Amino acid sequence: MGLTKTEAYTAEQNQLADLLKALAHPARIAIVQQLLQKQCCVGKEFSAELPLSQPTISRHLRELKDAGIISGTIEGTSVSYCIAGERWREVQGLVHELFEGYWRSTDCCPGE
């Protein structure tokens, strides 16, 4: 399989692809949903909610944090995670634009 030639795509396309890759795992979706519901969670709380080991949860948290979707603050020996509000609104806008493209297009596939 060949390498993706990211330079052939716009910065927005690459950014959206990276964000969607970061969200493209059911555990990460569950983490984001939990954070949206509770506003903030201590890292250890995720192991009570998810059927995953702590190292696996930590890896998923790192992926979300690297994408800027969540942020973490150290409190003593634990880390509290929250949704990164500004980035989350950016993700929302990019995904919204993608879906809005369908409504602006013409009906090129009759019969659907």
PDB file of N, CA and C in Angstrom:
ATOM      1  N   MET A   1       0.841  -1.169   0.000  1.00  0.00           N
ATOM      2  CA  MET A   1       0.000   0.000   0.000  1.00  0.00           C
ATOM      3  C   MET A   1       0.886   1.232   0.000  1.00  0.00           C
ATOM      4  N   GLY A   2       0.556   2.203  -0.822  1.00  0.00           N
ATOM      5  CA  GLY A   2       1.366   3.403  -0.952  1.00  0.00           C
ATOM      6  C   GLY A   2       1.122   4.395   0.170  1.00  0.00           C
ATOM      7  N   LEU A   3       2.019   5.329   0.277  1.00  0.00           N
ATOM      8  CA  LEU A   3       1.886   6.387   1.270  1.00  0.00           C
ATOM      9  C   LEU A   3       0.878   7.423   0.788  1.00  0.00           C
ATOM     10  N   THR A   4       0.170   8.017   1.730  1.00  0.00           N
ATOM     11  CA  THR A   4      -0.752   9.088   1.386  1.00  0.00           C
ATOM     12  C   THR A   4       0.055  10.335   1.080  1.00  0.00           C
ATOM     13  N   LYS A   5      -0.221  10.963  -0.024  1.00  0.00           N
ATOM     14  CA  LYS A   5       0.485  12.186  -0.413  1.00  0.00           C
ATOM     15  C   LYS A   5      -0.300  13.371   0.120  1.00  0.00           C
ATOM     16  N   THR A   6      -0.067  13.708   1.394  1.00  0.00           N
ATOM     17  CA  THR A   6      -0.850  14.750   2.042  1.00  0.00           C
ATOM     18  C   THR A   6      -0.684  16.105   1.376  1.00  0.00           C
ATOM     19  N   GLU A   7       0.432  16.326   0.704  1.00  0.00           N
ATOM     20  CA  GLU A   7       0.641  17.612   0.046  1.00  0.00           C
ATOM     21  C   GLU A   7      -0.308  17.809  -1.141  1.00  0.00           C
ATOM     22  N   ALA A   8      -0.953  16.738  -1.591  1.00  0.00           N
ATOM     23  CA  ALA A   8      -1.893  16.832  -2.703  1.00  0.00           C
ATOM     24  C   ALA A   8      -3.259  17.334  -2.246  1.00  0.00           C
ATOM     25  N   TYR A   9      -3.437  17.490  -0.922  1.00  0.00           N
ATOM     26  CA  TYR A   9      -4.727  17.895  -0.372  1.00  0.00           C
ATOM     27  C   TYR A   9      -4.599  19.239   0.330  1.00  0.00           C
ATOM     28  N   THR A  10      -5.733  19.900   0.514  1.00  0.00           N
ATOM     29  CA  THR A  10      -5.707  21.205   1.179  1.00  0.00           C
ATOM     30  C   THR A  10      -5.388  21.024   2.661  1.00  0.00           C
ATOM     31  N   ALA A  11      -4.968  22.108   3.275  1.00  0.00           N
ATOM     32  CA  ALA A  11      -4.680  22.082   4.709  1.00  0.00           C
ATOM     33  C   ALA A  11      -5.936  21.700   5.485  1.00  0.00           C
ATOM     34  N   GLU A  12      -7.084  22.195   5.052  1.00  0.00           N
ATOM     35  CA  GLU A  12      -8.349  21.878   5.729  1.00  0.00           C
ATOM     36  C   GLU A  12      -8.674  20.386   5.595  1.00  0.00           C
ATOM     37  N   GLN A  13      -8.454  19.806   4.417  1.00  0.00           N
ATOM     38  CA  GLN A  13      -8.713  18.375   4.224  1.00  0.00           C
ATOM     39  C   GLN A  13      -7.800  17.538   5.112  1.00  0.00           C
ATOM     40  N   ASN A  14      -6.536  17.897   5.174  1.00  0.00           N
ATOM     41  CA  ASN A  14      -5.598  17.168   6.033  1.00  0.00           C
ATOM     42  C   ASN A  14      -5.959  17.326   7.506  1.00  0.00           C
ATOM     43  N   GLN A  15      -6.351  18.538   7.889  1.00  0.00           N
ATOM     44  CA  GLN A  15      -6.719  18.786   9.279  1.00  0.00           C
ATOM     45  C   GLN A  15      -7.949  17.966   9.665  1.00  0.00           C
ATOM     46  N   LEU A  16      -8.960  17.964   8.826  1.00  0.00           N
ATOM     47  CA  LEU A  16     -10.172  17.199   9.104  1.00  0.00           C
ATOM     48  C   LEU A  16      -9.867  15.706   9.177  1.00  0.00           C
ATOM     49  N   ALA A  17      -9.039  15.211   8.269  1.00  0.00           N
ATOM     50  CA  ALA A  17      -8.669  13.796   8.284  1.00  0.00           C
ATOM     51  C   ALA A  17      -7.949  13.436   9.589  1.00  0.00           C
ATOM     52  N   ASP A  18      -7.033  14.292  10.037  1.00  0.00           N
ATOM     53  CA  ASP A  18      -6.317  14.036  11.293  1.00  0.00           C
ATOM     54  C   ASP A  18      -7.273  14.034  12.485  1.00  0.00           C
ATOM     55  N   LEU A  19      -8.195  14.971  12.513  1.00  0.00           N
ATOM     56  CA  LEU A  19      -9.161  15.034  13.608  1.00  0.00           C
ATOM     57  C   LEU A  19     -10.058  13.801  13.619  1.00  0.00           C
ATOM     58  N   LEU A  20     -10.532  13.411  12.442  1.00  0.00           N
ATOM     59  CA  LEU A  20     -11.408  12.248  12.376  1.00  0.00           C
ATOM     60  C   LEU A  20     -10.652  10.961  12.717  1.00  0.00           C
ATOM     61  N   LYS A  21      -9.373  10.885  12.370  1.00  0.00           N
ATOM     62  CA  LYS A  21      -8.557   9.729  12.777  1.00  0.00           C
ATOM     63  C   LYS A  21      -8.472   9.650  14.292  1.00  0.00           C
ATOM     64  N   ALA A  22      -8.305  10.804  14.937  1.00  0.00           N
ATOM     65  CA  ALA A  22      -8.203  10.832  16.394  1.00  0.00           C
ATOM     66  C   ALA A  22      -9.508  10.388  17.054  1.00  0.00           C
ATOM     67  N   LEU A  23     -10.624  10.631  16.405  1.00  0.00           N
ATOM     68  CA  LEU A  23     -11.919  10.234  16.957  1.00  0.00           C
ATOM     69  C   LEU A  23     -12.365   8.845  16.514  1.00  0.00           C
ATOM     70  N   ALA A  24     -11.654   8.255  15.566  1.00  0.00           N
ATOM     71  CA  ALA A  24     -12.107   7.035  14.904  1.00  0.00           C
ATOM     72  C   ALA A  24     -11.841   5.764  15.695  1.00  0.00           C
ATOM     73  N   HIS A  25     -12.271   5.742  16.931  1.00  0.00           N
ATOM     74  CA  HIS A  25     -12.190   4.529  17.744  1.00  0.00           C
ATOM     75  C   HIS A  25     -13.321   4.596  18.759  1.00  0.00           C
ATOM     76  N   PRO A  26     -14.054   3.501  18.958  1.00  0.00           N
ATOM     77  CA  PRO A  26     -15.186   3.549  19.886  1.00  0.00           C
ATOM     78  C   PRO A  26     -14.793   3.959  21.308  1.00  0.00           C
ATOM     79  N   ALA A  27     -13.600   3.576  21.753  1.00  0.00           N
ATOM     80  CA  ALA A  27     -13.162   3.966  23.101  1.00  0.00           C
ATOM     81  C   ALA A  27     -12.969   5.478  23.182  1.00  0.00           C
ATOM     82  N   ARG A  28     -12.446   6.077  22.125  1.00  0.00           N
ATOM     83  CA  ARG A  28     -12.233   7.526  22.127  1.00  0.00           C
ATOM     84  C   ARG A  28     -13.558   8.268  22.069  1.00  0.00           C
ATOM     85  N   ILE A  29     -14.506   7.731  21.317  1.00  0.00           N
ATOM     86  CA  ILE A  29     -15.847   8.320  21.290  1.00  0.00           C
ATOM     87  C   ILE A  29     -16.460   8.236  22.685  1.00  0.00           C
ATOM     88  N   ALA A  30     -16.314   7.095  23.349  1.00  0.00           N
ATOM     89  CA  ALA A  30     -16.849   6.936  24.709  1.00  0.00           C
ATOM     90  C   ALA A  30     -16.192   7.916  25.675  1.00  0.00           C
ATOM     91  N   ILE A  31     -14.899   8.122  25.542  1.00  0.00           N
ATOM     92  CA  ILE A  31     -14.181   9.081  26.389  1.00  0.00           C
ATOM     93  C   ILE A  31     -14.710  10.485  26.157  1.00  0.00           C
ATOM     94  N   VAL A  32     -14.844  10.876  24.896  1.00  0.00           N
ATOM     95  CA  VAL A  32     -15.344  12.209  24.569  1.00  0.00           C
ATOM     96  C   VAL A  32     -16.767  12.376  25.104  1.00  0.00           C
ATOM     97  N   GLN A  33     -17.607  11.370  24.927  1.00  0.00           N
ATOM     98  CA  GLN A  33     -18.982  11.458  25.418  1.00  0.00           C
ATOM     99  C   GLN A  33     -19.013  11.616  26.937  1.00  0.00           C
ATOM    100  N   GLN A  34     -18.153  10.875  27.623  1.00  0.00           N
ATOM    101  CA  GLN A  34     -18.091  10.987  29.076  1.00  0.00           C
ATOM    102  C   GLN A  34     -17.639  12.383  29.497  1.00  0.00           C
ATOM    103  N   LEU A  35     -16.649  12.914  28.808  1.00  0.00           N
ATOM    104  CA  LEU A  35     -16.168  14.257  29.127  1.00  0.00           C
ATOM    105  C   LEU A  35     -17.230  15.317  28.828  1.00  0.00           C
ATOM    106  N   LEU A  36     -17.959  15.158  27.744  1.00  0.00           N
ATOM    107  CA  LEU A  36     -19.021  16.105  27.415  1.00  0.00           C
ATOM    108  C   LEU A  36     -20.131  16.061  28.467  1.00  0.00           C
ATOM    109  N   GLN A  37     -20.409  14.875  28.975  1.00  0.00           N
ATOM    110  CA  GLN A  37     -21.470  14.720  29.965  1.00  0.00           C
ATOM    111  C   GLN A  37     -21.047  15.253  31.337  1.00  0.00           C
ATOM    112  N   LYS A  38     -19.822  14.934  31.756  1.00  0.00           N
ATOM    113  CA  LYS A  38     -19.378  15.287  33.103  1.00  0.00           C
ATOM    114  C   LYS A  38     -18.584  16.586  33.163  1.00  0.00           C
ATOM    115  N   GLN A  39     -18.254  17.154  32.023  1.00  0.00           N
ATOM    116  CA  GLN A  39     -17.451  18.376  31.920  1.00  0.00           C
ATOM    117  C   GLN A  39     -15.974  18.131  32.212  1.00  0.00           C
ATOM    118  N   CYS A  40     -15.637  17.254  33.127  1.00  0.00           N
ATOM    119  CA  CYS A  40     -14.246  16.999  33.487  1.00  0.00           C
ATOM    120  C   CYS A  40     -14.172  15.641  34.174  1.00  0.00           C
ATOM    121  N   CYS A  41     -13.119  14.882  33.940  1.00  0.00           N
ATOM    122  CA  CYS A  41     -12.954  13.571  34.566  1.00  0.00           C
ATOM    123  C   CYS A  41     -11.504  13.373  34.969  1.00  0.00           C
ATOM    124  N   VAL A  42     -11.312  12.680  36.073  1.00  0.00           N
ATOM    125  CA  VAL A  42      -9.979  12.256  36.479  1.00  0.00           C
ATOM    126  C   VAL A  42      -9.671  10.990  35.692  1.00  0.00           C
ATOM    127  N   GLY A  43      -8.444  10.867  35.230  1.00  0.00           N
ATOM    128  CA  GLY A  43      -8.045   9.745  34.387  1.00  0.00           C
ATOM    129  C   GLY A  43      -8.469   8.384  34.903  1.00  0.00           C
ATOM    130  N   LYS A  44      -8.408   8.180  36.201  1.00  0.00           N
ATOM    131  CA  LYS A  44      -8.753   6.873  36.779  1.00  0.00           C
ATOM    132  C   LYS A  44     -10.237   6.562  36.653  1.00  0.00           C
ATOM    133  N   GLU A  45     -11.080   7.585  36.531  1.00  0.00           N
ATOM    134  CA  GLU A  45     -12.521   7.372  36.399  1.00  0.00           C
ATOM    135  C   GLU A  45     -12.880   6.632  35.109  1.00  0.00           C
ATOM    136  N   PHE A  46     -12.055   6.780  34.091  1.00  0.00           N
ATOM    137  CA  PHE A  46     -12.351   6.137  32.816  1.00  0.00           C
ATOM    138  C   PHE A  46     -12.296   4.620  32.931  1.00  0.00           C
ATOM    139  N   SER A  47     -11.403   4.085  33.807  1.00  0.00           N
ATOM    140  CA  SER A  47     -11.309   2.631  33.916  1.00  0.00           C
ATOM    141  C   SER A  47     -12.550   2.029  34.537  1.00  0.00           C
ATOM    142  N   ALA A  48     -13.293   2.811  35.321  1.00  0.00           N
ATOM    143  CA  ALA A  48     -14.538   2.312  35.890  1.00  0.00           C
ATOM    144  C   ALA A  48     -15.645   2.287  34.839  1.00  0.00           C
ATOM    145  N   GLU A  49     -15.528   3.131  33.836  1.00  0.00           N
ATOM    146  CA  GLU A  49     -16.573   3.261  32.808  1.00  0.00           C
ATOM    147  C   GLU A  49     -16.298   2.442  31.547  1.00  0.00           C
ATOM    148  N   LEU A  50     -15.037   2.187  31.257  1.00  0.00           N
ATOM    149  CA  LEU A  50     -14.677   1.503  30.011  1.00  0.00           C
ATOM    150  C   LEU A  50     -14.078   0.131  30.302  1.00  0.00           C
ATOM    151  N   PRO A  51     -14.381  -0.858  29.473  1.00  0.00           N
ATOM    152  CA  PRO A  51     -13.842  -2.203  29.689  1.00  0.00           C
ATOM    153  C   PRO A  51     -12.421  -2.350  29.120  1.00  0.00           C
ATOM    154  N   LEU A  52     -11.546  -1.433  29.502  1.00  0.00           N
ATOM    155  CA  LEU A  52     -10.182  -1.420  28.983  1.00  0.00           C
ATOM    156  C   LEU A  52      -9.201  -1.279  30.135  1.00  0.00           C
ATOM    157  N   SER A  53      -7.980  -1.709  29.901  1.00  0.00           N
ATOM    158  CA  SER A  53      -6.936  -1.556  30.912  1.00  0.00           C
ATOM    159  C   SER A  53      -6.517  -0.088  30.997  1.00  0.00           C
ATOM    160  N   GLN A  54      -5.937   0.282  32.128  1.00  0.00           N
ATOM    161  CA  GLN A  54      -5.493   1.667  32.311  1.00  0.00           C
ATOM    162  C   GLN A  54      -4.465   2.093  31.254  1.00  0.00           C
ATOM    163  N   PRO A  55      -3.487   1.231  30.890  1.00  0.00           N
ATOM    164  CA  PRO A  55      -2.543   1.645  29.837  1.00  0.00           C
ATOM    165  C   PRO A  55      -3.226   1.897  28.486  1.00  0.00           C
ATOM    166  N   THR A  56      -4.251   1.100  28.167  1.00  0.00           N
ATOM    167  CA  THR A  56      -4.975   1.297  26.909  1.00  0.00           C
ATOM    168  C   THR A  56      -5.761   2.602  26.946  1.00  0.00           C
ATOM    169  N   ILE A  57      -6.399   2.877  28.062  1.00  0.00           N
ATOM    170  CA  ILE A  57      -7.130   4.129  28.216  1.00  0.00           C
ATOM    171  C   ILE A  57      -6.164   5.306  28.100  1.00  0.00           C
ATOM    172  N   SER A  58      -5.016   5.193  28.723  1.00  0.00           N
ATOM    173  CA  SER A  58      -4.009   6.260  28.651  1.00  0.00           C
ATOM    174  C   SER A  58      -3.579   6.523  27.213  1.00  0.00           C
ATOM    175  N   ARG A  59      -3.435   5.453  26.430  1.00  0.00           N
ATOM    176  CA  ARG A  59      -3.055   5.616  25.021  1.00  0.00           C
ATOM    177  C   ARG A  59      -4.137   6.372  24.254  1.00  0.00           C
ATOM    178  N   HIS A  60      -5.410   6.035  24.512  1.00  0.00           N
ATOM    179  CA  HIS A  60      -6.510   6.731  23.833  1.00  0.00           C
ATOM    180  C   HIS A  60      -6.582   8.193  24.279  1.00  0.00           C
ATOM    181  N   LEU A  61      -6.372   8.444  25.562  1.00  0.00           N
ATOM    182  CA  LEU A  61      -6.355   9.824  26.061  1.00  0.00           C
ATOM    183  C   LEU A  61      -5.235  10.616  25.396  1.00  0.00           C
ATOM    184  N   ARG A  62      -4.088   9.999  25.222  1.00  0.00           N
ATOM    185  CA  ARG A  62      -2.950  10.668  24.580  1.00  0.00           C
ATOM    186  C   ARG A  62      -3.278  11.024  23.132  1.00  0.00           C
ATOM    187  N   GLU A  63      -3.931  10.111  22.413  1.00  0.00           N
ATOM    188  CA  GLU A  63      -4.321  10.390  21.017  1.00  0.00           C
ATOM    189  C   GLU A  63      -5.258  11.597  20.950  1.00  0.00           C
ATOM    190  N   LEU A  64      -6.227  11.636  21.844  1.00  0.00           N
ATOM    191  CA  LEU A  64      -7.169  12.763  21.863  1.00  0.00           C
ATOM    192  C   LEU A  64      -6.474  14.055  22.268  1.00  0.00           C
ATOM    193  N   LYS A  65      -5.553  13.950  23.210  1.00  0.00           N
ATOM    194  CA  LYS A  65      -4.818  15.136  23.662  1.00  0.00           C
ATOM    195  C   LYS A  65      -3.883  15.634  22.563  1.00  0.00           C
ATOM    196  N   ASP A  66      -3.201  14.718  21.875  1.00  0.00           N
ATOM    197  CA  ASP A  66      -2.308  15.108  20.774  1.00  0.00           C
ATOM    198  C   ASP A  66      -3.068  15.823  19.658  1.00  0.00           C
ATOM    199  N   ALA A  67      -4.330  15.440  19.452  1.00  0.00           N
ATOM    200  CA  ALA A  67      -5.157  16.081  18.423  1.00  0.00           C
ATOM    201  C   ALA A  67      -5.737  17.400  18.928  1.00  0.00           C
ATOM    202  N   GLY A  68      -5.528  17.693  20.212  1.00  0.00           N
ATOM    203  CA  GLY A  68      -6.028  18.938  20.777  1.00  0.00           C
ATOM    204  C   GLY A  68      -7.490  18.901  21.164  1.00  0.00           C
ATOM    205  N   ILE A  69      -8.112  17.733  21.088  1.00  0.00           N
ATOM    206  CA  ILE A  69      -9.537  17.606  21.377  1.00  0.00           C
ATOM    207  C   ILE A  69      -9.804  17.689  22.877  1.00  0.00           C
ATOM    208  N   ILE A  70      -8.867  17.182  23.670  1.00  0.00           N
ATOM    209  CA  ILE A  70      -8.996  17.272  25.125  1.00  0.00           C
ATOM    210  C   ILE A  70      -7.741  17.915  25.695  1.00  0.00           C
ATOM    211  N   SER A  71      -7.849  18.380  26.921  1.00  0.00           N
ATOM    212  CA  SER A  71      -6.683  18.894  27.623  1.00  0.00           C
ATOM    213  C   SER A  71      -6.651  18.228  28.993  1.00  0.00           C
ATOM    214  N   GLY A  72      -5.469  18.169  29.567  1.00  0.00           N
ATOM    215  CA  GLY A  72      -5.320  17.543  30.865  1.00  0.00           C
ATOM    216  C   GLY A  72      -4.532  18.418  31.809  1.00  0.00           C
ATOM    217  N   THR A  73      -4.915  18.403  33.070  1.00  0.00           N
ATOM    218  CA  THR A  73      -4.180  19.141  34.089  1.00  0.00           C
ATOM    219  C   THR A  73      -3.805  18.195  35.215  1.00  0.00           C
ATOM    220  N   ILE A  74      -2.594  18.348  35.691  1.00  0.00           N
ATOM    221  CA  ILE A  74      -2.091  17.488  36.757  1.00  0.00           C
ATOM    222  C   ILE A  74      -2.524  18.057  38.097  1.00  0.00           C
ATOM    223  N   GLU A  75      -3.125  17.189  38.903  1.00  0.00           N
ATOM    224  CA  GLU A  75      -3.544  17.553  40.252  1.00  0.00           C
ATOM    225  C   GLU A  75      -2.973  16.508  41.208  1.00  0.00           C
ATOM    226  N   GLY A  76      -1.851  16.821  41.806  1.00  0.00           N
ATOM    227  CA  GLY A  76      -1.197  15.840  42.679  1.00  0.00           C
ATOM    228  C   GLY A  76      -0.681  14.684  41.872  1.00  0.00           C
ATOM    229  N   THR A  77      -1.224  13.481  42.156  1.00  0.00           N
ATOM    230  CA  THR A  77      -0.772  12.285  41.432  1.00  0.00           C
ATOM    231  C   THR A  77      -1.735  11.870  40.323  1.00  0.00           C
ATOM    232  N   SER A  78      -2.787  12.656  40.099  1.00  0.00           N
ATOM    233  CA  SER A  78      -3.743  12.289  39.060  1.00  0.00           C
ATOM    234  C   SER A  78      -3.849  13.396  38.014  1.00  0.00           C
ATOM    235  N   VAL A  79      -4.435  13.032  36.894  1.00  0.00           N
ATOM    236  CA  VAL A  79      -4.628  13.972  35.793  1.00  0.00           C
ATOM    237  C   VAL A  79      -6.126  14.095  35.530  1.00  0.00           C
ATOM    238  N   SER A  80      -6.613  15.331  35.455  1.00  0.00           N
ATOM    239  CA  SER A  80      -8.013  15.587  35.112  1.00  0.00           C
ATOM    240  C   SER A  80      -8.082  16.004  33.651  1.00  0.00           C
ATOM    241  N   TYR A  81      -9.036  15.452  32.937  1.00  0.00           N
ATOM    242  CA  TYR A  81      -9.188  15.741  31.516  1.00  0.00           C
ATOM    243  C   TYR A  81     -10.495  16.474  31.274  1.00  0.00           C
ATOM    244  N   CYS A  82     -10.476  17.382  30.308  1.00  0.00           N
ATOM    245  CA  CYS A  82     -11.652  18.147  29.897  1.00  0.00           C
ATOM    246  C   CYS A  82     -11.624  18.294  28.377  1.00  0.00           C
ATOM    247  N   ILE A  83     -12.794  18.553  27.813  1.00  0.00           N
ATOM    248  CA  ILE A  83     -12.871  18.886  26.385  1.00  0.00           C
ATOM    249  C   ILE A  83     -12.207  20.243  26.183  1.00  0.00           C
ATOM    250  N   ALA A  84     -11.379  20.364  25.166  1.00  0.00           N
ATOM    251  CA  ALA A  84     -10.760  21.649  24.808  1.00  0.00           C
ATOM    252  C   ALA A  84     -11.790  22.422  23.984  1.00  0.00           C
ATOM    253  N   GLY A  85     -12.487  23.339  24.642  1.00  0.00           N
ATOM    254  CA  GLY A  85     -13.651  24.006  24.058  1.00  0.00           C
ATOM    255  C   GLY A  85     -13.426  24.647  22.704  1.00  0.00           C
ATOM    256  N   GLU A  86     -12.371  25.428  22.582  1.00  0.00           N
ATOM    257  CA  GLU A  86     -12.130  26.115  21.319  1.00  0.00           C
ATOM    258  C   GLU A  86     -11.866  25.108  20.188  1.00  0.00           C
ATOM    259  N   ARG A  87     -11.067  24.096  20.484  1.00  0.00           N
ATOM    260  CA  ARG A  87     -10.765  23.068  19.473  1.00  0.00           C
ATOM    261  C   ARG A  87     -12.016  22.272  19.128  1.00  0.00           C
ATOM    262  N   TRP A  88     -12.844  21.993  20.139  1.00  0.00           N
ATOM    263  CA  TRP A  88     -14.067  21.224  19.908  1.00  0.00           C
ATOM    264  C   TRP A  88     -14.998  21.988  18.968  1.00  0.00           C
ATOM    265  N   ARG A  89     -15.099  23.304  19.160  1.00  0.00           N
ATOM    266  CA  ARG A  89     -15.920  24.118  18.249  1.00  0.00           C
ATOM    267  C   ARG A  89     -15.336  24.105  16.837  1.00  0.00           C
ATOM    268  N   GLU A  90     -14.015  24.070  16.741  1.00  0.00           N
ATOM    269  CA  GLU A  90     -13.355  23.988  15.440  1.00  0.00           C
ATOM    270  C   GLU A  90     -13.687  22.654  14.760  1.00  0.00           C
ATOM    271  N   VAL A  91     -13.618  21.563  15.515  1.00  0.00           N
ATOM    272  CA  VAL A  91     -13.966  20.236  14.985  1.00  0.00           C
ATOM    273  C   VAL A  91     -15.419  20.246  14.515  1.00  0.00           C
ATOM    274  N   GLN A  92     -16.281  20.794  15.343  1.00  0.00           N
ATOM    275  CA  GLN A  92     -17.696  20.870  14.997  1.00  0.00           C
ATOM    276  C   GLN A  92     -17.900  21.634  13.687  1.00  0.00           C
ATOM    277  N   GLY A  93     -17.215  22.749  13.532  1.00  0.00           N
ATOM    278  CA  GLY A  93     -17.333  23.546  12.316  1.00  0.00           C
ATOM    279  C   GLY A  93     -16.844  22.809  11.081  1.00  0.00           C
ATOM    280  N   LEU A  94     -15.709  22.126  11.203  1.00  0.00           N
ATOM    281  CA  LEU A  94     -15.159  21.400  10.054  1.00  0.00           C
ATOM    282  C   LEU A  94     -16.076  20.254   9.622  1.00  0.00           C
ATOM    283  N   VAL A  95     -16.601  19.518  10.591  1.00  0.00           N
ATOM    284  CA  VAL A  95     -17.499  18.407  10.264  1.00  0.00           C
ATOM    285  C   VAL A  95     -18.811  18.952   9.697  1.00  0.00           C
ATOM    286  N   HIS A  96     -19.303  20.035  10.266  1.00  0.00           N
ATOM    287  CA  HIS A  96     -20.531  20.663   9.770  1.00  0.00           C
ATOM    288  C   HIS A  96     -20.355  21.082   8.308  1.00  0.00           C
ATOM    289  N   GLU A  97     -19.229  21.705   7.990  1.00  0.00           N
ATOM    290  CA  GLU A  97     -18.966  22.118   6.603  1.00  0.00           C
ATOM    291  C   GLU A  97     -18.959  20.925   5.655  1.00  0.00           C
ATOM    292  N   LEU A  98     -18.386  19.822   6.106  1.00  0.00           N
ATOM    293  CA  LEU A  98     -18.345  18.614   5.282  1.00  0.00           C
ATOM    294  C   LEU A  98     -19.764  18.145   4.966  1.00  0.00           C
ATOM    295  N   PHE A  99     -20.609  18.071   5.983  1.00  0.00           N
ATOM    296  CA  PHE A  99     -21.976  17.605   5.779  1.00  0.00           C
ATOM    297  C   PHE A  99     -22.826  18.627   5.032  1.00  0.00           C
ATOM    298  N   GLU A 100     -22.561  19.896   5.229  1.00  0.00           N
ATOM    299  CA  GLU A 100     -23.295  20.936   4.511  1.00  0.00           C
ATOM    300  C   GLU A 100     -23.045  20.839   3.015  1.00  0.00           C
ATOM    301  N   GLY A 101     -21.888  20.336   2.603  1.00  0.00           N
ATOM    302  CA  GLY A 101     -21.581  20.178   1.186  1.00  0.00           C
ATOM    303  C   GLY A 101     -22.593  19.305   0.470  1.00  0.00           C
ATOM    304  N   TYR A 102     -23.184  18.352   1.178  1.00  0.00           N
ATOM    305  CA  TYR A 102     -24.196  17.489   0.565  1.00  0.00           C
ATOM    306  C   TYR A 102     -25.435  18.291   0.202  1.00  0.00           C
ATOM    307  N   TRP A 103     -25.849  19.168   1.096  1.00  0.00           N
ATOM    308  CA  TRP A 103     -27.078  19.932   0.870  1.00  0.00           C
ATOM    309  C   TRP A 103     -26.899  20.975  -0.216  1.00  0.00           C
ATOM    310  N   ARG A 104     -25.672  21.396  -0.458  1.00  0.00           N
ATOM    311  CA  ARG A 104     -25.420  22.372  -1.520  1.00  0.00           C
ATOM    312  C   ARG A 104     -25.257  21.702  -2.876  1.00  0.00           C
ATOM    313  N   SER A 105     -25.033  20.395  -2.881  1.00  0.00           N
ATOM    314  CA  SER A 105     -24.801  19.714  -4.163  1.00  0.00           C
ATOM    315  C   SER A 105     -26.143  19.446  -4.861  1.00  0.00           C
ATOM    316  N   THR A 106     -26.042  19.180  -6.144  1.00  0.00           N
ATOM    317  CA  THR A 106     -27.247  18.846  -6.894  1.00  0.00           C
ATOM    318  C   THR A 106     -27.522  17.364  -6.729  1.00  0.00           C
ATOM    319  N   ASP A 107     -28.708  16.975  -7.016  1.00  0.00           N
ATOM    320  CA  ASP A 107     -29.080  15.567  -6.894  1.00  0.00           C
ATOM    321  C   ASP A 107     -28.568  14.822  -8.122  1.00  0.00           C
ATOM    322  N   CYS A 108     -27.354  14.328  -8.032  1.00  0.00           N
ATOM    323  CA  CYS A 108     -26.740  13.683  -9.196  1.00  0.00           C
ATOM    324  C   CYS A 108     -27.025  12.185  -9.251  1.00  0.00           C
ATOM    325  N   CYS A 109     -27.632  11.640  -8.220  1.00  0.00           N
ATOM    326  CA  CYS A 109     -27.930  10.210  -8.187  1.00  0.00           C
ATOM    327  C   CYS A 109     -29.428   9.998  -8.057  1.00  0.00           C
ATOM    328  N   PRO A 110     -30.157  10.107  -9.155  1.00  0.00           N
ATOM    329  CA  PRO A 110     -31.612   9.922  -9.088  1.00  0.00           C
ATOM    330  C   PRO A 110     -31.952   8.522  -8.601  1.00  0.00           C
ATOM    331  N   GLY A 111     -33.045   8.424  -7.902  1.00  0.00           N
ATOM    332  CA  GLY A 111     -33.483   7.128  -7.425  1.00  0.00           C
ATOM    333  C   GLY A 111     -33.059   6.831  -6.004  1.00  0.00           C
ATOM    334  N   GLU A 112     -32.260   7.698  -5.406  1.00  0.00           N
ATOM    335  CA  GLU A 112     -31.857   7.468  -4.009  1.00  0.00           C
ATOM    336  C   GLU A 112     -32.841   8.064  -3.081  1.00  0.00           C
TER     337      GLU A 112
END
